[in-house]
Amino acid sequence: MNTKTILSQLSSEEKAGLCSGLKFWFLKGVERLRVPSIMATDGPHGIWKNCESNRATDAHMVDLLLNGKCIGRKRVKNCQAVFKTRYAPGKLIAVTYDINDNETGARRTGIHSGKLSIRVKPEQGAVRAGDIAYIAIELAGENGVVECNADTKLTVTVEGGELLAFGSVNPCTEENYKEGFFTTYYDRSQAVLRANQPGTIVVSVRGENLDTVQAVIVIS
């Protein structure tokens, strides 16, 4: 990558865009010049990824366990106990207690681990002709937990139906919902299809360095 050559080819808008963020931790890229989106970090604290999990609770106190080890105890304020911890694969468990320190429950939140792959999840496995079908498309680890820092451009193709739109909820994108390819946002995206006639719809999703995954929807 020749930096001077790339700079000479950037428009004023693209140069300004490189100074702003795409999402939390990530800078914008310039796809046409193969300038990737770059993940930044706050150096004094080392290199780590950001991932948030939000749950409301009416408990008095919360213990947070990471892979079975307690990493902190916080008192609940405004229905939340806020913890910050270094990213690690595995399971987070929030154990709640009442004012008398009696355990009242436990909630588990998984953390992505293992090889990343595409996961295609139709809202319904069967629809009627003329119906609209919604397909959730995610990037998840071998443990089934969705990653949130590996956004990738995915391509969707449809056989036996009509692709109406494919995209994500990214508020700062110039990608087109009608083109059949789109970059995930926090590793999630969605396809919207129309079932035109009885039979089956085969939805195929592929991405760079990812295996192609298919899902089938039956049309009655």
Foldseek 3Di string as FASTA:
>chain_A
DDPVVVVVVDDPVRVVQQVDAQDVQWGDADVVVPGHIDGHDDPVVHDADDDDDDDFAPFQKKFKDFQRHTPDIAGDDPRDGDDDDGDDFDKIKIWGAHPVRHTDDIDIDGAADADKAKDKAKPDQEEAAFDKTKIKIFIGHPVRHGAQPDKFKKFKDKDQWAWPFKEEPRPDDPDGRRPRIYIYHRGIIMTMIHRHHFDKMWMWMDTPPHDIDIGIHGYD
